[in-house]
Amino acid sequence: MTTPFSRFVSAVILVAGAPAALSAQQHADSWPGLWGASRNATAAGNLGSLRGEMQVLWRRSAQGGYSEIAVANGRAVTLELRNGMDFVVALDAQTGREQWSVRIGPTYRGHGGSDDGPISTPAIDGNDVFALGPNGQLLAIDLASGKERWRHDLVSAFSADAPTWGFAASPLVDGRLVIVPTGGAKSRGLLAFDRASGKLAWSAPVAKVTGYASAVATTIAGVRQIVGISADRVYGVHPQDGRVLWSAPGTGGNAEVSNSVIPLPGDRILFGNWEGSTLIKVAMEGKALTAREVWKSWLSLRLRGSNPDVRQCRNAGDRLAGAHRCGHRDGGRPSAGVSQ
């Protein structure tokens, strides 16, 4: 067992010295899950006010965990370790005072130099919170009250294999569905649950290798779809029924993929790992979508971990650059990496 590290969770006033501005731009200032409202690490609203010095609004400590913070509707929600148990915790976004906590289960025990605790980032949509614990527990919680609405054990109920470093993908909320990827020889692949009842709406067993990459909702070649990535396949499925729209080879081998795909203009998708990067183009041919490789490069995205705070990608011929800051389990403390 490793010793949990002490981390600090901080909130800052985006408009320095003007707390009222937060409530006035509540929707624009929300960050309801992994990579924000648009799932592309960009923030809406007027960012000109960020040029001045920002002030710490509150600060609190936690025993451990790698999860980021989702902020919406006056709540800041995260996952953290408490005395050997993992919890979903909601704080008042203005004061940092705890509003409620829901126990996920026994903590994930770190190994290989990492610390104990959860890593996935929860998702807030309306009055719903969805969280995935590192041992495979998927929970739906009422944001206002903290009442647990439903939960699933993805391992026992859907034959998912636990990734080497635990379940780390962050739930994707798409309309009435909440979507999480799973892997394993007997797994049912990408899973979509009815957000209200928790009933499985569809599954798409396209990829079998376990990983950490979160699913992404995007429109490619004029077709809205959910895109997933694993070492064996990168693919797009229909959001209504999970029907496979297209698929192509993934990163290769059995190495678990940490980075979600990056949709780019021109119906292109960039994906990769520490060993290289691939750009594919998806096109409509007749009535079917097809994917072809545009290029493959030894240059690494180096977006280590599935929870980057900031992510940038630039394509200019065979040159690309990625920047991030994230928490990752393999090897220990959160770190930053840049490649070009």
C-alpha atoms as a PDB file:
ATOM      1  CA  MET A   1       0.000   0.000   0.000  1.00  0.00           C
ATOM      2  CA  THR A   2       1.298   3.432  -0.871  1.00  0.00           C
ATOM      3  CA  THR A   3       0.881   6.457   1.329  1.00  0.00           C
ATOM      4  CA  PRO A   4      -1.807   8.834   0.046  1.00  0.00           C
ATOM      5  CA  PHE A   5      -0.442  12.216  -0.873  1.00  0.00           C
ATOM      6  CA  SER A   6      -1.914  15.469   0.344  1.00  0.00           C
ATOM      7  CA  ARG A   7      -3.352  17.585  -2.433  1.00  0.00           C
ATOM      8  CA  PHE A   8      -5.017  20.967  -2.434  1.00  0.00           C
ATOM      9  CA  VAL A   9      -8.214  21.882  -4.262  1.00  0.00           C
ATOM     10  CA  SER A  10      -8.525  25.554  -5.154  1.00  0.00           C
ATOM     11  CA  ALA A  11     -11.134  27.765  -6.738  1.00  0.00           C
ATOM     12  CA  VAL A  12     -10.314  31.207  -8.098  1.00  0.00           C
ATOM     13  CA  ILE A  13     -12.373  34.286  -8.881  1.00  0.00           C
ATOM     14  CA  LEU A  14     -12.201  34.652 -12.644  1.00  0.00           C
ATOM     15  CA  VAL A  15     -13.054  38.344 -12.437  1.00  0.00           C
ATOM     16  CA  ALA A  16     -10.750  39.577  -9.718  1.00  0.00           C
ATOM     17  CA  GLY A  17     -12.492  41.352  -6.886  1.00  0.00           C
ATOM     18  CA  ALA A  18     -15.970  40.874  -8.374  1.00  0.00           C
ATOM     19  CA  PRO A  19     -17.683  37.762  -6.966  1.00  0.00           C
ATOM     20  CA  ALA A  20     -21.033  38.943  -8.327  1.00  0.00           C
ATOM     21  CA  ALA A  21     -19.711  38.468 -11.839  1.00  0.00           C
ATOM     22  CA  LEU A  22     -19.582  34.730 -11.251  1.00  0.00           C
ATOM     23  CA  SER A  23     -23.325  34.424 -10.790  1.00  0.00           C
ATOM     24  CA  ALA A  24     -23.978  36.798 -13.681  1.00  0.00           C
ATOM     25  CA  GLN A  25     -22.034  34.521 -16.006  1.00  0.00           C
ATOM     26  CA  GLN A  26     -22.812  31.247 -14.282  1.00  0.00           C
ATOM     27  CA  HIS A  27     -23.434  29.344 -17.487  1.00  0.00           C
ATOM     28  CA  ALA A  28     -20.415  30.749 -19.289  1.00  0.00           C
ATOM     29  CA  ASP A  29     -18.142  30.134 -16.322  1.00  0.00           C
ATOM     30  CA  SER A  30     -19.214  26.555 -15.697  1.00  0.00           C
ATOM     31  CA  TRP A  31     -16.841  23.673 -16.274  1.00  0.00           C
ATOM     32  CA  PRO A  32     -19.216  20.709 -15.948  1.00  0.00           C
ATOM     33  CA  GLY A  33     -16.829  17.855 -16.635  1.00  0.00           C
ATOM     34  CA  LEU A  34     -13.741  16.651 -18.444  1.00  0.00           C
ATOM     35  CA  TRP A  35     -12.484  19.410 -20.801  1.00  0.00           C
ATOM     36  CA  GLY A  36     -15.461  21.659 -20.054  1.00  0.00           C
ATOM     37  CA  ALA A  37     -18.932  22.030 -21.518  1.00  0.00           C
ATOM     38  CA  SER A  38     -17.807  21.506 -25.101  1.00  0.00           C
ATOM     39  CA  ARG A  39     -15.436  18.644 -24.218  1.00  0.00           C
ATOM     40  CA  ASN A  40     -12.633  20.368 -26.122  1.00  0.00           C
ATOM     41  CA  ALA A  41     -10.849  22.275 -23.322  1.00  0.00           C
ATOM     42  CA  THR A  42     -12.167  25.670 -24.401  1.00  0.00           C
ATOM     43  CA  ALA A  43     -14.099  28.110 -22.211  1.00  0.00           C
ATOM     44  CA  ALA A  44     -17.030  30.226 -23.369  1.00  0.00           C
ATOM     45  CA  GLY A  45     -17.713  33.812 -22.372  1.00  0.00           C
ATOM     46  CA  ASN A  46     -15.621  36.956 -22.055  1.00  0.00           C
ATOM     47  CA  LEU A  47     -12.075  35.977 -21.127  1.00  0.00           C
ATOM     48  CA  GLY A  48     -10.677  39.483 -21.355  1.00  0.00           C
ATOM     49  CA  SER A  49     -11.171  39.945 -17.618  1.00  0.00           C
ATOM     50  CA  LEU A  50      -8.642  37.167 -16.940  1.00  0.00           C
ATOM     51  CA  ARG A  51      -5.771  39.444 -17.892  1.00  0.00           C
ATOM     52  CA  GLY A  52      -5.555  40.806 -14.366  1.00  0.00           C
ATOM     53  CA  GLU A  53      -4.321  38.995 -11.307  1.00  0.00           C
ATOM     54  CA  MET A  54      -6.642  36.224 -10.146  1.00  0.00           C
ATOM     55  CA  GLN A  55      -7.447  35.735  -6.480  1.00  0.00           C
ATOM     56  CA  VAL A  56      -7.885  32.503  -4.548  1.00  0.00           C
ATOM     57  CA  LEU A  57     -11.517  32.240  -3.503  1.00  0.00           C
ATOM     58  CA  TRP A  58     -11.028  29.255  -1.182  1.00  0.00           C
ATOM     59  CA  ARG A  59      -8.669  26.390  -0.584  1.00  0.00           C
ATOM     60  CA  ARG A  60      -9.093  23.001   1.085  1.00  0.00           C
ATOM     61  CA  SER A  61      -6.997  19.873   1.459  1.00  0.00           C
ATOM     62  CA  ALA A  62      -7.848  16.275   0.593  1.00  0.00           C
ATOM     63  CA  GLN A  63      -6.239  12.966   1.456  1.00  0.00           C
ATOM     64  CA  GLY A  64      -5.685  11.875  -2.128  1.00  0.00           C
ATOM     65  CA  GLY A  65      -6.963  11.223  -5.603  1.00  0.00           C
ATOM     66  CA  TYR A  66      -6.257  12.387  -9.151  1.00  0.00           C
ATOM     67  CA  SER A  67      -9.730  13.526 -10.238  1.00  0.00           C
ATOM     68  CA  GLU A  68     -10.296  17.001 -11.590  1.00  0.00           C
ATOM     69  CA  ILE A  69     -13.174  19.241 -10.514  1.00  0.00           C
ATOM     70  CA  ALA A  70     -16.461  19.707 -12.365  1.00  0.00           C
ATOM     71  CA  VAL A  71     -18.163  23.055 -11.677  1.00  0.00           C
ATOM     72  CA  ALA A  72     -21.787  23.918 -12.501  1.00  0.00           C
ATOM     73  CA  ASN A  73     -24.927  25.271 -10.869  1.00  0.00           C
ATOM     74  CA  GLY A  74     -23.078  26.546  -7.822  1.00  0.00           C
ATOM     75  CA  ARG A  75     -21.433  23.190  -7.059  1.00  0.00           C
ATOM     76  CA  ALA A  76     -17.858  21.972  -7.427  1.00  0.00           C
ATOM     77  CA  VAL A  77     -17.825  18.170  -7.641  1.00  0.00           C
ATOM     78  CA  THR A  78     -14.857  15.817  -7.542  1.00  0.00           C
ATOM     79  CA  LEU A  79     -13.789  12.337  -6.439  1.00  0.00           C
ATOM     80  CA  GLU A  80     -11.416  11.887  -3.526  1.00  0.00           C
ATOM     81  CA  LEU A  81      -9.967   9.425  -1.047  1.00  0.00           C
ATOM     82  CA  ARG A  82     -11.111   9.454   2.574  1.00  0.00           C
ATOM     83  CA  ASN A  83      -9.786   6.980   5.137  1.00  0.00           C
ATOM     84  CA  GLY A  84      -9.520   4.059   2.755  1.00  0.00           C
ATOM     85  CA  MET A  85     -12.729   4.812   0.842  1.00  0.00           C
ATOM     86  CA  ASP A  86     -13.375   6.696  -2.393  1.00  0.00           C
ATOM     87  CA  PHE A  87     -16.129   9.342  -2.390  1.00  0.00           C
ATOM     88  CA  VAL A  88     -17.956  11.651  -4.741  1.00  0.00           C
ATOM     89  CA  VAL A  89     -17.848  15.036  -2.984  1.00  0.00           C
ATOM     90  CA  ALA A  90     -19.824  18.202  -3.733  1.00  0.00           C
ATOM     91  CA  LEU A  91     -18.657  21.595  -2.470  1.00  0.00           C
ATOM     92  CA  ASP A  92     -20.221  25.033  -2.575  1.00  0.00           C
ATOM     93  CA  ALA A  93     -18.407  26.678  -5.487  1.00  0.00           C
ATOM     94  CA  GLN A  94     -18.369  30.069  -3.744  1.00  0.00           C
ATOM     95  CA  THR A  95     -17.218  29.003  -0.282  1.00  0.00           C
ATOM     96  CA  GLY A  96     -15.674  25.532  -0.614  1.00  0.00           C
ATOM     97  CA  ARG A  97     -17.965  24.189   2.122  1.00  0.00           C
ATOM     98  CA  GLU A  98     -18.948  20.565   1.678  1.00  0.00           C
ATOM     99  CA  GLN A  99     -22.573  20.071   0.650  1.00  0.00           C
ATOM    100  CA  TRP A 100     -22.681  16.278   0.491  1.00  0.00           C
ATOM    101  CA  SER A 101     -20.600  13.171  -0.103  1.00  0.00           C
ATOM    102  CA  VAL A 102     -21.480   9.738  -1.505  1.00  0.00           C
ATOM    103  CA  ARG A 103     -19.319   6.708  -0.862  1.00  0.00           C
ATOM    104  CA  ILE A 104     -18.171   4.864  -3.988  1.00  0.00           C
ATOM    105  CA  GLY A 105     -16.452   1.982  -2.207  1.00  0.00           C
ATOM    106  CA  PRO A 106     -13.021   0.829  -1.044  1.00  0.00           C
ATOM    107  CA  THR A 107     -10.260   2.942  -2.525  1.00  0.00           C
ATOM    108  CA  TYR A 108      -8.144   1.902  -5.468  1.00  0.00           C
ATOM    109  CA  ARG A 109      -4.733   0.912  -4.106  1.00  0.00           C
ATOM    110  CA  GLY A 110      -1.882   2.564  -5.967  1.00  0.00           C
ATOM    111  CA  HIS A 111       1.014   0.531  -7.300  1.00  0.00           C
ATOM    112  CA  GLY A 112       4.153   1.016  -9.354  1.00  0.00           C
ATOM    113  CA  GLY A 113       4.964   4.258  -7.555  1.00  0.00           C
ATOM    114  CA  SER A 114       1.461   5.735  -7.729  1.00  0.00           C
ATOM    115  CA  ASP A 115      -0.826   6.764  -4.878  1.00  0.00           C
ATOM    116  CA  ASP A 116      -4.217   5.493  -3.753  1.00  0.00           C
ATOM    117  CA  GLY A 117      -7.449   7.107  -4.873  1.00  0.00           C
ATOM    118  CA  PRO A 118      -9.767   7.788  -7.835  1.00  0.00           C
ATOM    119  CA  ILE A 119      -8.736   9.357 -11.150  1.00  0.00           C
ATOM    120  CA  SER A 120     -11.862   9.851 -13.296  1.00  0.00           C
ATOM    121  CA  THR A 121     -13.506  13.292 -13.518  1.00  0.00           C
ATOM    122  CA  PRO A 122     -17.265  13.423 -12.757  1.00  0.00           C
ATOM    123  CA  ALA A 123     -19.779  14.944 -15.168  1.00  0.00           C
ATOM    124  CA  ILE A 124     -22.532  17.430 -14.237  1.00  0.00           C
ATOM    125  CA  ASP A 125     -25.551  17.902 -16.498  1.00  0.00           C
ATOM    126  CA  GLY A 126     -28.554  19.790 -15.160  1.00  0.00           C
ATOM    127  CA  ASN A 127     -29.258  18.353 -11.723  1.00  0.00           C
ATOM    128  CA  ASP A 128     -27.459  15.082 -12.459  1.00  0.00           C
ATOM    129  CA  VAL A 129     -23.948  13.998 -11.469  1.00  0.00           C
ATOM    130  CA  PHE A 130     -22.338  10.934 -13.031  1.00  0.00           C
ATOM    131  CA  ALA A 131     -19.141   9.480 -11.620  1.00  0.00           C
ATOM    132  CA  LEU A 132     -16.999   6.440 -12.394  1.00  0.00           C
ATOM    133  CA  GLY A 133     -14.947   4.979  -9.548  1.00  0.00           C
ATOM    134  CA  PRO A 134     -11.546   3.376 -10.175  1.00  0.00           C
ATOM    135  CA  ASN A 135     -12.861  -0.110  -9.411  1.00  0.00           C
ATOM    136  CA  GLY A 136     -15.656   0.195 -11.980  1.00  0.00           C
ATOM    137  CA  GLN A 137     -18.619   1.585 -10.031  1.00  0.00           C
ATOM    138  CA  LEU A 138     -20.732   3.951 -12.145  1.00  0.00           C
ATOM    139  CA  LEU A 139     -23.005   6.221 -10.075  1.00  0.00           C
ATOM    140  CA  ALA A 140     -25.799   8.667 -10.815  1.00  0.00           C
ATOM    141  CA  ILE A 141     -26.388  11.270  -8.074  1.00  0.00           C
ATOM    142  CA  ASP A 142     -28.781  14.172  -7.552  1.00  0.00           C
ATOM    143  CA  LEU A 143     -26.654  17.341  -7.641  1.00  0.00           C
ATOM    144  CA  ALA A 144     -28.783  19.328  -5.206  1.00  0.00           C
ATOM    145  CA  SER A 145     -29.329  16.724  -2.509  1.00  0.00           C
ATOM    146  CA  GLY A 146     -26.563  14.168  -3.000  1.00  0.00           C
ATOM    147  CA  LYS A 147     -29.115  11.351  -3.192  1.00  0.00           C
ATOM    148  CA  GLU A 148     -27.833   8.339  -5.093  1.00  0.00           C
ATOM    149  CA  ARG A 149     -30.217   7.488  -7.919  1.00  0.00           C
ATOM    150  CA  TRP A 150     -28.603   4.351  -9.308  1.00  0.00           C
ATOM    151  CA  ARG A 151     -25.287   2.574  -9.652  1.00  0.00           C
ATOM    152  CA  HIS A 152     -23.705  -0.226 -11.669  1.00  0.00           C
ATOM    153  CA  ASP A 153     -20.655  -2.381 -11.111  1.00  0.00           C
ATOM    154  CA  LEU A 154     -19.200  -2.531 -14.624  1.00  0.00           C
ATOM    155  CA  VAL A 155     -17.030  -5.529 -13.774  1.00  0.00           C
ATOM    156  CA  SER A 156     -19.689  -7.844 -12.339  1.00  0.00           C
ATOM    157  CA  ALA A 157     -22.662  -6.624 -14.367  1.00  0.00           C
ATOM    158  CA  PHE A 158     -21.066  -6.069 -17.785  1.00  0.00           C
ATOM    159  CA  SER A 159     -17.960  -8.290 -17.733  1.00  0.00           C
ATOM    160  CA  ALA A 160     -15.556  -5.357 -18.021  1.00  0.00           C
ATOM    161  CA  ASP A 161     -11.903  -5.952 -17.204  1.00  0.00           C
ATOM    162  CA  ALA A 162     -10.236  -3.430 -14.919  1.00  0.00           C
ATOM    163  CA  PRO A 163      -7.438  -1.504 -16.675  1.00  0.00           C
ATOM    164  CA  THR A 164      -3.958  -1.791 -15.171  1.00  0.00           C
ATOM    165  CA  TRP A 165      -4.301   1.532 -13.328  1.00  0.00           C
ATOM    166  CA  GLY A 166      -8.025   1.338 -12.652  1.00  0.00           C
ATOM    167  CA  PHE A 167     -11.041   2.799 -14.441  1.00  0.00           C
ATOM    168  CA  ALA A 168     -10.137   6.360 -15.414  1.00  0.00           C
ATOM    169  CA  ALA A 169     -12.419   7.331 -18.310  1.00  0.00           C
ATOM    170  CA  SER A 170     -14.812  10.176 -17.522  1.00  0.00           C
ATOM    171  CA  PRO A 171     -18.537   9.735 -18.264  1.00  0.00           C
ATOM    172  CA  LEU A 172     -19.880  11.434 -21.377  1.00  0.00           C
ATOM    173  CA  VAL A 173     -23.420  12.836 -21.111  1.00  0.00           C
ATOM    174  CA  ASP A 174     -25.193  12.984 -24.467  1.00  0.00           C
ATOM    175  CA  GLY A 175     -28.868  13.889 -24.327  1.00  0.00           C
ATOM    176  CA  ARG A 176     -30.697  11.182 -22.388  1.00  0.00           C
ATOM    177  CA  LEU A 177     -27.642   8.936 -22.244  1.00  0.00           C
ATOM    178  CA  VAL A 178     -24.512   8.635 -20.127  1.00  0.00           C
ATOM    179  CA  ILE A 179     -21.723   6.813 -21.948  1.00  0.00           C
ATOM    180  CA  VAL A 180     -18.607   5.040 -20.657  1.00  0.00           C
ATOM    181  CA  PRO A 181     -16.060   2.818 -22.456  1.00  0.00           C
ATOM    182  CA  THR A 182     -15.053  -0.617 -21.168  1.00  0.00           C
ATOM    183  CA  GLY A 183     -12.666  -3.298 -22.386  1.00  0.00           C
ATOM    184  CA  GLY A 184     -11.834  -6.945 -21.916  1.00  0.00           C
ATOM    185  CA  ALA A 185     -12.302 -10.168 -23.847  1.00  0.00           C
ATOM    186  CA  LYS A 186     -15.874 -10.613 -22.571  1.00  0.00           C
ATOM    187  CA  SER A 187     -16.780  -6.950 -22.169  1.00  0.00           C
ATOM    188  CA  ARG A 188     -19.666  -5.320 -23.979  1.00  0.00           C
ATOM    189  CA  GLY A 189     -17.459  -2.427 -25.081  1.00  0.00           C
ATOM    190  CA  LEU A 190     -18.860   1.079 -25.159  1.00  0.00           C
ATOM    191  CA  LEU A 191     -21.852   1.265 -22.811  1.00  0.00           C
ATOM    192  CA  ALA A 192     -24.731   3.760 -22.953  1.00  0.00           C
ATOM    193  CA  PHE A 193     -27.148   4.015 -20.038  1.00  0.00           C
ATOM    194  CA  ASP A 194     -30.447   5.832 -19.726  1.00  0.00           C
ATOM    195  CA  ARG A 195     -29.506   8.684 -17.419  1.00  0.00           C
ATOM    196  CA  ALA A 196     -32.804   8.636 -15.527  1.00  0.00           C
ATOM    197  CA  SER A 197     -33.288   4.918 -14.893  1.00  0.00           C
ATOM    198  CA  GLY A 198     -29.762   3.548 -15.264  1.00  0.00           C
ATOM    199  CA  LYS A 199     -31.038   0.921 -17.704  1.00  0.00           C
ATOM    200  CA  LEU A 200     -28.596  -0.101 -20.423  1.00  0.00           C
ATOM    201  CA  ALA A 201     -29.744   1.540 -23.658  1.00  0.00           C
ATOM    202  CA  TRP A 202     -27.152   0.003 -25.975  1.00  0.00           C
ATOM    203  CA  SER A 203     -23.661  -1.426 -26.121  1.00  0.00           C
ATOM    204  CA  ALA A 204     -21.076  -1.374 -28.897  1.00  0.00           C
ATOM    205  CA  PRO A 205     -18.455  -4.138 -28.533  1.00  0.00           C
ATOM    206  CA  VAL A 206     -16.100  -2.678 -31.136  1.00  0.00           C
ATOM    207  CA  ALA A 207     -12.881  -2.498 -29.111  1.00  0.00           C
ATOM    208  CA  LYS A 208     -11.698  -5.110 -26.629  1.00  0.00           C
ATOM    209  CA  VAL A 209      -8.412  -3.791 -25.215  1.00  0.00           C
ATOM    210  CA  THR A 210      -8.806  -1.968 -21.895  1.00  0.00           C
ATOM    211  CA  GLY A 211      -7.835   1.694 -21.675  1.00  0.00           C
ATOM    212  CA  TYR A 212      -8.457   5.068 -20.103  1.00  0.00           C
ATOM    213  CA  ALA A 213      -9.632   7.288 -22.971  1.00  0.00           C
ATOM    214  CA  SER A 214     -13.034   8.950 -22.586  1.00  0.00           C
ATOM    215  CA  ALA A 215     -15.571   8.880 -25.408  1.00  0.00           C
ATOM    216  CA  VAL A 216     -16.091  12.070 -27.434  1.00  0.00           C
ATOM    217  CA  ALA A 217     -19.289  13.352 -29.093  1.00  0.00           C
ATOM    218  CA  THR A 218     -18.684  15.147 -32.372  1.00  0.00           C
ATOM    219  CA  THR A 219     -19.992  15.638 -35.920  1.00  0.00           C
ATOM    220  CA  ILE A 220     -17.896  14.129 -38.702  1.00  0.00           C
ATOM    221  CA  ALA A 221     -18.782  14.135 -42.395  1.00  0.00           C
ATOM    222  CA  GLY A 222     -22.123  15.655 -41.437  1.00  0.00           C
ATOM    223  CA  VAL A 223     -23.024  12.783 -39.101  1.00  0.00           C
ATOM    224  CA  ARG A 224     -23.215  13.245 -35.344  1.00  0.00           C
ATOM    225  CA  GLN A 225     -21.534  10.351 -33.556  1.00  0.00           C
ATOM    226  CA  ILE A 226     -19.735   9.074 -30.482  1.00  0.00           C
ATOM    227  CA  VAL A 227     -16.055   8.353 -31.106  1.00  0.00           C
ATOM    228  CA  GLY A 228     -13.991   5.960 -29.021  1.00  0.00           C
ATOM    229  CA  ILE A 229     -10.405   4.767 -29.081  1.00  0.00           C
ATOM    230  CA  SER A 230      -8.512   1.715 -27.842  1.00  0.00           C
ATOM    231  CA  ALA A 231      -5.295   0.012 -28.848  1.00  0.00           C
ATOM    232  CA  ASP A 232      -7.173  -2.291 -31.216  1.00  0.00           C
ATOM    233  CA  ARG A 233      -9.742   0.065 -32.794  1.00  0.00           C
ATOM    234  CA  VAL A 234     -10.744   3.689 -33.246  1.00  0.00           C
ATOM    235  CA  TYR A 235     -14.405   3.961 -34.165  1.00  0.00           C
ATOM    236  CA  GLY A 236     -17.583   6.000 -34.438  1.00  0.00           C
ATOM    237  CA  VAL A 237     -21.047   4.823 -33.399  1.00  0.00           C
ATOM    238  CA  HIS A 238     -24.525   6.270 -33.741  1.00  0.00           C
ATOM    239  CA  PRO A 239     -25.545   8.012 -30.486  1.00  0.00           C
ATOM    240  CA  GLN A 240     -29.120   6.707 -30.619  1.00  0.00           C
ATOM    241  CA  ASP A 241     -28.521   2.966 -30.898  1.00  0.00           C
ATOM    242  CA  GLY A 242     -24.755   2.319 -30.801  1.00  0.00           C
ATOM    243  CA  ARG A 243     -24.697   1.172 -34.404  1.00  0.00           C
ATOM    244  CA  VAL A 244     -21.122   1.146 -35.728  1.00  0.00           C
ATOM    245  CA  LEU A 245     -20.685   3.837 -38.381  1.00  0.00           C
ATOM    246  CA  TRP A 246     -16.999   3.227 -39.137  1.00  0.00           C
ATOM    247  CA  SER A 247     -13.886   1.789 -37.565  1.00  0.00           C
ATOM    248  CA  ALA A 248     -10.150   1.688 -38.217  1.00  0.00           C
ATOM    249  CA  PRO A 249      -7.034   0.241 -36.569  1.00  0.00           C
ATOM    250  CA  GLY A 250      -6.164   1.877 -33.244  1.00  0.00           C
ATOM    251  CA  THR A 251      -2.729   2.635 -31.855  1.00  0.00           C
ATOM    252  CA  GLY A 252      -1.673  -1.005 -32.147  1.00  0.00           C
ATOM    253  CA  GLY A 253      -0.497  -3.642 -29.694  1.00  0.00           C
ATOM    254  CA  ASN A 254      -2.014  -4.076 -26.270  1.00  0.00           C
ATOM    255  CA  ALA A 255      -0.793  -0.825 -24.689  1.00  0.00           C
ATOM    256  CA  GLU A 256      -3.688   0.892 -22.918  1.00  0.00           C
ATOM    257  CA  VAL A 257      -4.569   4.203 -24.559  1.00  0.00           C
ATOM    258  CA  SER A 258      -4.875   7.205 -22.251  1.00  0.00           C
ATOM    259  CA  ASN A 259      -5.727   9.961 -24.717  1.00  0.00           C
ATOM    260  CA  SER A 260      -9.150  10.527 -26.226  1.00  0.00           C
ATOM    261  CA  VAL A 261      -9.336  11.260 -29.931  1.00  0.00           C
ATOM    262  CA  ILE A 262      -9.024  14.868 -31.082  1.00  0.00           C
ATOM    263  CA  PRO A 263     -11.546  15.805 -33.802  1.00  0.00           C
ATOM    264  CA  LEU A 264     -10.052  18.317 -36.243  1.00  0.00           C
ATOM    265  CA  PRO A 265     -11.522  20.435 -39.057  1.00  0.00           C
ATOM    266  CA  GLY A 266     -11.937  18.702 -42.378  1.00  0.00           C
ATOM    267  CA  ASP A 267     -13.491  15.549 -40.888  1.00  0.00           C
ATOM    268  CA  ARG A 268     -10.126  14.452 -39.517  1.00  0.00           C
ATOM    269  CA  ILE A 269      -9.360  12.647 -36.261  1.00  0.00           C
ATOM    270  CA  LEU A 270      -6.016  12.681 -34.493  1.00  0.00           C
ATOM    271  CA  PHE A 271      -5.102   9.987 -31.987  1.00  0.00           C
ATOM    272  CA  GLY A 272      -2.018   8.422 -30.506  1.00  0.00           C
ATOM    273  CA  ASN A 273       0.020   7.507 -27.466  1.00  0.00           C
ATOM    274  CA  TRP A 274       3.579   7.842 -26.202  1.00  0.00           C
ATOM    275  CA  GLU A 275       4.912   5.903 -29.168  1.00  0.00           C
ATOM    276  CA  GLY A 276       3.401   7.876 -32.032  1.00  0.00           C
ATOM    277  CA  SER A 277       0.430   9.619 -33.614  1.00  0.00           C
ATOM    278  CA  THR A 278      -1.976   8.927 -36.457  1.00  0.00           C
ATOM    279  CA  LEU A 279      -4.278  11.199 -38.433  1.00  0.00           C
ATOM    280  CA  ILE A 280      -7.265   9.681 -40.214  1.00  0.00           C
ATOM    281  CA  LYS A 281      -9.967  11.208 -42.391  1.00  0.00           C
ATOM    282  CA  VAL A 282     -13.570  10.045 -42.271  1.00  0.00           C
ATOM    283  CA  ALA A 283     -15.650  10.504 -45.412  1.00  0.00           C
ATOM    284  CA  MET A 284     -19.062   9.608 -46.736  1.00  0.00           C
ATOM    285  CA  GLU A 285     -18.786   7.217 -49.646  1.00  0.00           C
ATOM    286  CA  GLY A 286     -22.186   6.439 -51.051  1.00  0.00           C
ATOM    287  CA  LYS A 287     -24.324   5.826 -47.975  1.00  0.00           C
ATOM    288  CA  ALA A 288     -21.544   4.627 -45.689  1.00  0.00           C
ATOM    289  CA  LEU A 289     -18.778   6.299 -43.697  1.00  0.00           C
ATOM    290  CA  THR A 290     -15.225   5.142 -44.303  1.00  0.00           C
ATOM    291  CA  ALA A 291     -11.955   5.995 -42.571  1.00  0.00           C
ATOM    292  CA  ARG A 292      -8.533   6.167 -44.211  1.00  0.00           C
ATOM    293  CA  GLU A 293      -5.113   6.969 -42.794  1.00  0.00           C
ATOM    294  CA  VAL A 294      -3.722  10.369 -43.811  1.00  0.00           C
ATOM    295  CA  TRP A 295      -0.391  10.017 -42.053  1.00  0.00           C
ATOM    296  CA  LYS A 296       1.352   8.268 -39.218  1.00  0.00           C
ATOM    297  CA  SER A 297       4.166   9.889 -37.269  1.00  0.00           C
ATOM    298  CA  TRP A 298       6.652   8.855 -34.607  1.00  0.00           C
ATOM    299  CA  LEU A 299       5.973  12.215 -32.939  1.00  0.00           C
ATOM    300  CA  SER A 300       4.110  11.616 -29.703  1.00  0.00           C
ATOM    301  CA  LEU A 301       1.041  13.485 -28.506  1.00  0.00           C
ATOM    302  CA  ARG A 302       2.314  12.930 -24.980  1.00  0.00           C
ATOM    303  CA  LEU A 303      -1.027  13.807 -23.431  1.00  0.00           C
ATOM    304  CA  ARG A 304      -0.280  11.648 -20.448  1.00  0.00           C
ATOM    305  CA  GLY A 305      -3.347  10.605 -18.540  1.00  0.00           C
ATOM    306  CA  SER A 306      -7.018  10.876 -19.393  1.00  0.00           C
ATOM    307  CA  ASN A 307      -7.676  14.138 -17.579  1.00  0.00           C
ATOM    308  CA  PRO A 308      -5.696  16.977 -19.173  1.00  0.00           C
ATOM    309  CA  ASP A 309      -6.640  20.473 -17.959  1.00  0.00           C
ATOM    310  CA  VAL A 310      -5.552  22.205 -21.139  1.00  0.00           C
ATOM    311  CA  ARG A 311      -5.000  20.574 -24.491  1.00  0.00           C
ATOM    312  CA  GLN A 312      -3.854  22.084 -27.768  1.00  0.00           C
ATOM    313  CA  CYS A 313      -3.178  20.446 -31.087  1.00  0.00           C
ATOM    314  CA  ARG A 314      -1.852  22.014 -34.258  1.00  0.00           C
ATOM    315  CA  ASN A 315      -1.497  20.206 -37.588  1.00  0.00           C
ATOM    316  CA  ALA A 316       0.829  21.643 -40.205  1.00  0.00           C
ATOM    317  CA  GLY A 317       1.889  18.925 -42.583  1.00  0.00           C
ATOM    318  CA  ASP A 318       3.485  16.244 -40.458  1.00  0.00           C
ATOM    319  CA  ARG A 319       4.141  18.586 -37.522  1.00  0.00           C
ATOM    320  CA  LEU A 320       1.951  18.582 -34.465  1.00  0.00           C
ATOM    321  CA  ALA A 321       2.235  19.960 -30.978  1.00  0.00           C
ATOM    322  CA  GLY A 322       0.428  19.030 -27.802  1.00  0.00           C
ATOM    323  CA  ALA A 323       0.491  20.690 -24.408  1.00  0.00           C
ATOM    324  CA  HIS A 324      -1.170  19.626 -21.233  1.00  0.00           C
ATOM    325  CA  ARG A 325      -1.181  19.557 -17.506  1.00  0.00           C
ATOM    326  CA  CYS A 326      -2.730  16.518 -15.906  1.00  0.00           C
ATOM    327  CA  GLY A 327      -2.797  13.974 -13.122  1.00  0.00           C
ATOM    328  CA  HIS A 328      -1.781  10.449 -14.003  1.00  0.00           C
ATOM    329  CA  ARG A 329      -1.418   7.285 -11.977  1.00  0.00           C
ATOM    330  CA  ASP A 330       1.463   5.517 -13.711  1.00  0.00           C
ATOM    331  CA  GLY A 331       4.695   6.625 -12.076  1.00  0.00           C
ATOM    332  CA  GLY A 332       3.373   8.870  -9.331  1.00  0.00           C
ATOM    333  CA  ARG A 333       2.727  12.580  -9.048  1.00  0.00           C
ATOM    334  CA  PRO A 334       0.873  14.717 -11.575  1.00  0.00           C
ATOM    335  CA  SER A 335       3.202  16.100 -14.231  1.00  0.00           C
ATOM    336  CA  ALA A 336       3.265  18.111 -17.426  1.00  0.00           C
ATOM    337  CA  GLY A 337       4.557  17.249 -20.863  1.00  0.00           C
ATOM    338  CA  VAL A 338       4.957  18.989 -24.210  1.00  0.00           C
ATOM    339  CA  SER A 339       6.054  17.600 -27.570  1.00  0.00           C
ATOM    340  CA  GLN A 340       6.526  19.064 -31.012  1.00  0.00           C
END
